[in-house]
Amino acid sequence: MAEVALHSVRYGEEVIHFGLTRTGRKSLAISVLPDLSVVVTAPNGSPLELVRQKVRKRAPWILKQQDYFKAYLPQQPPRRYVSGETHLYLGRQYRLKVFESDAESVKLLGGYIHVGVKDRSDAERVRVLVDGWLLSHARAQFGRRLDACWERLRKQGVPYPVLRLRRMPKRWGTCTSTGVIYLNPGLVKAPGLCIDYVIVHELCHLKHPHHGKAFYEMLRQVLPDWEQRKMRLEKVNV
């Protein structure tokens, strides 16, 4: 089987990731799959920069195809908050174990999230407890990871930001010109390496507000594998 290498190109504010396979074919082919992934098959010996140019040239078509397929992606069923249902935390799947208890609690034990509630049939109360537990852990996780990520950037003049949580339907994070970073609490469901990517991305914006060359140079210097982290994050379904 031919080896697949991961690459990306920028097109305006968009970043297009693609898997590149080289074969004995004579022409380059670009395909967009139903899972939104982009596959490029190029002749052996084709310079990578030439491949990037062709992908960038086809970017409008690629983005249009991805938009088309998005309408057919499987939708996550509504949460029921009952025993046996799986929930994500730091990239891992955990099953709920709901039990009746006079003292309400949420604890992570083994592969389960144990939820003590006065009435186990009260799904709304279970939801409130689980969401509250995730929110408190998001604050703690994000704070620790922000400290570690900032240490890698402070010598480049990046100010230490104010961290706040905000639910955002289409963003994992954002920042302001006054040095405030907002993170989506749902990000706590993603693997740690993806959380670090979002934090570093926003920290770089405190130095370089736009997606220009200097921004990406700083991002790649701190996280050489940021593209792979971003691709993995895009698969997280919150």
Protein backbone atom coordinates (compact mmCIF):
# COMPACT_ATOMS: atom_id res chain seq x y z
CA MET A 1 0.00 0.00 0.00
CA ALA A 2 1.32 3.43 -0.93
CA GLU A 3 2.43 5.63 1.97
CA VAL A 4 0.17 8.58 2.80
CA ALA A 5 1.79 11.82 3.98
CA LEU A 6 -0.20 14.61 5.63
CA HIS A 7 0.17 18.18 4.34
CA SER A 8 -1.85 21.39 4.27
CA VAL A 9 -2.27 24.66 2.39
CA ARG A 10 -3.82 27.97 3.39
CA TYR A 11 -6.55 29.54 1.31
CA GLY A 12 -7.62 32.86 2.77
CA GLU A 13 -8.72 32.16 6.34
CA GLU A 14 -9.17 28.44 5.60
CA VAL A 15 -6.61 25.66 6.10
CA ILE A 16 -7.07 22.64 3.83
CA HIS A 17 -5.48 19.44 5.10
CA PHE A 18 -4.83 16.67 2.62
CA GLY A 19 -3.31 13.22 2.47
CA LEU A 20 -0.73 12.83 -0.32
CA THR A 21 -0.04 9.53 -2.05
CA ARG A 22 2.53 9.16 -4.83
CA THR A 23 2.06 6.55 -7.55
CA GLY A 24 3.13 5.78 -11.09
CA ARG A 25 0.18 7.69 -12.56
CA LYS A 26 0.89 10.52 -15.01
CA SER A 27 -1.49 13.17 -13.69
CA LEU A 28 -2.52 14.57 -10.31
CA ALA A 29 -5.96 13.76 -8.90
CA ILE A 30 -7.80 15.39 -5.99
CA SER A 31 -10.72 13.73 -4.21
CA VAL A 32 -12.97 14.88 -1.36
CA LEU A 33 -14.41 11.98 0.62
CA PRO A 34 -17.76 11.93 2.47
CA ASP A 35 -15.93 12.23 5.82
CA LEU A 36 -14.61 15.61 4.53
CA SER A 37 -11.03 14.35 4.14
CA VAL A 38 -9.06 15.38 1.07
CA VAL A 39 -6.94 12.82 -0.81
CA VAL A 40 -4.36 13.81 -3.41
CA THR A 41 -2.72 11.25 -5.68
CA ALA A 42 0.33 12.61 -7.51
CA PRO A 43 2.93 11.18 -9.91
CA ASN A 44 6.19 9.99 -8.41
CA GLY A 45 8.71 12.79 -8.36
CA SER A 46 6.19 15.63 -8.36
CA PRO A 47 7.63 18.51 -6.30
CA LEU A 48 5.65 19.07 -3.12
CA GLU A 49 5.33 22.80 -3.83
CA LEU A 50 3.74 22.02 -7.21
CA VAL A 51 1.25 19.72 -5.47
CA ARG A 52 0.45 22.48 -2.96
CA GLN A 53 -0.13 24.95 -5.80
CA LYS A 54 -2.59 22.63 -7.49
CA VAL A 55 -4.46 22.01 -4.24
CA ARG A 56 -4.62 25.76 -3.58
CA LYS A 57 -5.91 26.32 -7.12
CA ARG A 58 -8.69 23.78 -6.52
CA ALA A 59 -9.46 25.16 -3.03
CA PRO A 60 -12.84 26.71 -3.98
CA TRP A 61 -14.03 23.37 -5.35
CA ILE A 62 -12.64 21.46 -2.34
CA LEU A 63 -14.42 23.73 0.15
CA LYS A 64 -17.65 23.51 -1.85
CA GLN A 65 -17.49 19.70 -1.79
CA GLN A 66 -16.83 19.67 1.95
CA ASP A 67 -19.81 21.94 2.55
CA TYR A 68 -21.96 19.55 0.49
CA PHE A 69 -20.87 16.49 2.46
CA LYS A 70 -21.32 18.22 5.83
CA ALA A 71 -25.09 18.00 5.37
CA TYR A 72 -24.82 14.19 5.25
CA LEU A 73 -22.53 13.61 8.22
CA PRO A 74 -24.15 11.47 10.93
CA GLN A 75 -25.65 13.61 13.67
CA GLN A 76 -25.00 12.81 17.31
CA PRO A 77 -28.23 11.54 18.90
CA PRO A 78 -29.67 13.59 21.78
CA ARG A 79 -28.14 12.79 25.15
CA ARG A 80 -30.38 10.77 27.47
CA TYR A 81 -28.15 10.84 30.59
CA VAL A 82 -28.80 7.26 31.61
CA SER A 83 -26.52 4.46 32.75
CA GLY A 84 -24.45 2.99 29.93
CA GLU A 85 -24.40 6.14 27.81
CA THR A 86 -20.88 7.19 26.73
CA HIS A 87 -19.44 10.66 27.31
CA LEU A 88 -16.11 12.14 26.26
CA TYR A 89 -13.56 13.54 28.71
CA LEU A 90 -9.99 14.43 27.65
CA GLY A 91 -10.34 12.35 24.50
CA ARG A 92 -11.52 9.16 26.18
CA GLN A 93 -14.96 7.58 26.25
CA TYR A 94 -16.48 6.99 29.67
CA ARG A 95 -19.79 5.34 30.48
CA LEU A 96 -22.28 6.85 32.87
CA LYS A 97 -23.19 4.85 35.94
CA VAL A 98 -26.21 6.55 37.50
CA PHE A 99 -27.27 5.47 40.99
CA GLU A 100 -29.64 6.80 43.63
CA SER A 101 -28.10 8.59 46.58
CA ASP A 102 -29.17 11.18 49.13
CA ALA A 103 -25.85 12.95 48.56
CA GLU A 104 -25.46 14.09 44.95
CA SER A 105 -22.00 13.55 43.46
CA VAL A 106 -20.05 12.99 40.27
CA LYS A 107 -16.81 10.97 40.33
CA LEU A 108 -14.54 9.49 37.68
CA LEU A 109 -13.72 5.91 38.62
CA GLY A 110 -12.06 3.57 36.15
CA GLY A 111 -13.88 3.75 32.85
CA TYR A 112 -17.06 5.18 34.37
CA ILE A 113 -18.48 8.53 35.42
CA HIS A 114 -20.39 7.70 38.60
CA VAL A 115 -23.35 10.01 39.17
CA GLY A 116 -25.19 9.96 42.48
CA VAL A 117 -28.65 11.53 42.28
CA LYS A 118 -31.76 11.39 44.44
CA ASP A 119 -33.93 10.15 41.56
CA ARG A 120 -32.06 8.23 38.88
CA SER A 121 -34.95 8.70 36.46
CA ASP A 122 -34.48 12.50 36.61
CA ALA A 123 -32.39 12.85 33.44
CA GLU A 124 -32.40 16.65 33.62
CA ARG A 125 -30.83 16.58 37.07
CA VAL A 126 -28.23 14.07 35.89
CA ARG A 127 -27.43 16.41 32.99
CA VAL A 128 -26.98 19.37 35.32
CA LEU A 129 -24.64 17.37 37.55
CA VAL A 130 -22.55 16.01 34.67
CA ASP A 131 -22.33 19.40 32.95
CA GLY A 132 -21.31 21.03 36.22
CA TRP A 133 -18.61 18.39 36.77
CA LEU A 134 -17.26 18.89 33.25
CA LEU A 135 -17.28 22.67 33.67
CA SER A 136 -15.30 22.56 36.92
CA HIS A 137 -12.76 20.17 35.38
CA ALA A 138 -12.54 22.36 32.28
CA ARG A 139 -11.54 25.34 34.43
CA ALA A 140 -8.86 23.33 36.21
CA GLN A 141 -7.50 21.61 33.09
CA PHE A 142 -7.43 24.79 31.00
CA GLY A 143 -5.72 26.75 33.76
CA ARG A 144 -2.92 24.20 34.15
CA ARG A 145 -2.42 23.84 30.44
CA LEU A 146 -2.43 27.61 29.89
CA ASP A 147 0.41 27.98 32.40
CA ALA A 148 2.49 25.32 30.61
CA CYS A 149 1.78 26.67 27.12
CA TRP A 150 2.50 30.27 28.09
CA GLU A 151 5.89 29.26 29.51
CA ARG A 152 6.85 28.19 25.97
CA LEU A 153 5.91 31.59 24.54
CA ARG A 154 6.63 34.20 27.19
CA LYS A 155 10.21 34.82 25.94
CA GLN A 156 8.68 35.93 22.64
CA GLY A 157 6.81 38.73 24.35
CA VAL A 158 3.40 37.09 24.63
CA PRO A 159 1.56 38.57 27.63
CA TYR A 160 -0.06 36.27 30.17
CA PRO A 161 -3.79 36.39 29.36
CA VAL A 162 -6.97 36.40 31.38
CA LEU A 163 -8.71 33.05 30.87
CA ARG A 164 -12.49 32.85 30.64
CA LEU A 165 -14.90 30.13 29.56
CA ARG A 166 -17.66 30.80 27.07
CA ARG A 167 -19.93 28.41 25.21
CA MET A 168 -19.48 29.07 21.49
CA PRO A 169 -21.39 27.06 18.87
CA LYS A 170 -18.71 27.26 16.16
CA ARG A 171 -15.44 28.04 17.96
CA TRP A 172 -13.14 26.21 20.33
CA GLY A 173 -11.46 29.42 21.36
CA THR A 174 -11.02 33.11 20.65
CA CYS A 175 -9.13 36.07 22.09
CA THR A 176 -9.47 39.82 22.41
CA SER A 177 -7.06 42.68 21.78
CA THR A 178 -7.11 43.36 25.52
CA GLY A 179 -5.50 40.01 26.35
CA VAL A 180 -8.51 37.85 27.23
CA ILE A 181 -8.68 34.27 25.95
CA TYR A 182 -12.08 32.59 25.80
CA LEU A 183 -12.20 28.79 25.61
CA ASN A 184 -15.26 26.69 24.88
CA PRO A 185 -15.84 24.47 27.96
CA GLY A 186 -16.73 21.64 25.57
CA LEU A 187 -13.04 21.55 24.65
CA VAL A 188 -12.44 19.52 27.82
CA LYS A 189 -13.85 16.56 25.89
CA ALA A 190 -10.89 16.69 23.46
CA PRO A 191 -7.47 15.05 23.99
CA GLY A 192 -4.94 17.11 25.91
CA LEU A 193 -2.76 17.65 22.84
CA CYS A 194 -5.75 19.23 21.08
CA ILE A 195 -6.49 21.49 24.06
CA ASP A 196 -2.86 22.65 23.97
CA TYR A 197 -3.19 23.39 20.26
CA VAL A 198 -6.19 25.68 20.83
CA ILE A 199 -4.47 27.47 23.70
CA VAL A 200 -1.21 27.97 21.79
CA HIS A 201 -3.19 29.14 18.75
CA GLU A 202 -4.87 31.86 20.82
CA LEU A 203 -1.63 32.81 22.60
CA CYS A 204 0.03 33.32 19.21
CA HIS A 205 -2.85 35.62 18.28
CA LEU A 206 -1.99 37.85 21.23
CA LYS A 207 1.27 38.57 19.42
CA HIS A 208 -0.01 38.29 15.84
CA PRO A 209 -3.76 39.11 15.61
CA HIS A 210 -4.15 37.84 12.04
CA HIS A 211 -3.45 34.57 10.21
CA GLY A 212 -0.35 35.89 8.48
CA LYS A 213 3.06 34.37 7.88
CA ALA A 214 4.45 35.51 11.25
CA PHE A 215 1.52 33.91 13.09
CA TYR A 216 2.04 30.52 11.45
CA GLU A 217 5.80 30.69 11.95
CA MET A 218 5.30 31.17 15.69
CA LEU A 219 2.64 28.45 15.85
CA ARG A 220 4.86 25.95 14.01
CA GLN A 221 7.86 26.84 16.17
CA VAL A 222 5.95 25.96 19.33
CA LEU A 223 3.87 23.09 17.89
CA PRO A 224 5.53 21.59 14.80
CA ASP A 225 2.66 19.07 14.57
CA TRP A 226 -0.16 21.62 14.93
CA GLU A 227 -1.80 20.47 11.69
CA GLN A 228 -2.16 16.90 12.95
CA ARG A 229 -3.54 18.19 16.25
CA LYS A 230 -6.07 20.35 14.41
CA MET A 231 -7.18 17.43 12.25
CA ARG A 232 -7.73 15.30 15.34
CA LEU A 233 -9.67 18.09 17.03
CA GLU A 234 -11.99 18.37 14.03
CA LYS A 235 -13.13 14.79 14.74
CA VAL A 236 -14.28 15.63 18.26
CA ASN A 237 -18.08 15.65 18.36
CA VAL A 238 -19.43 17.75 21.21
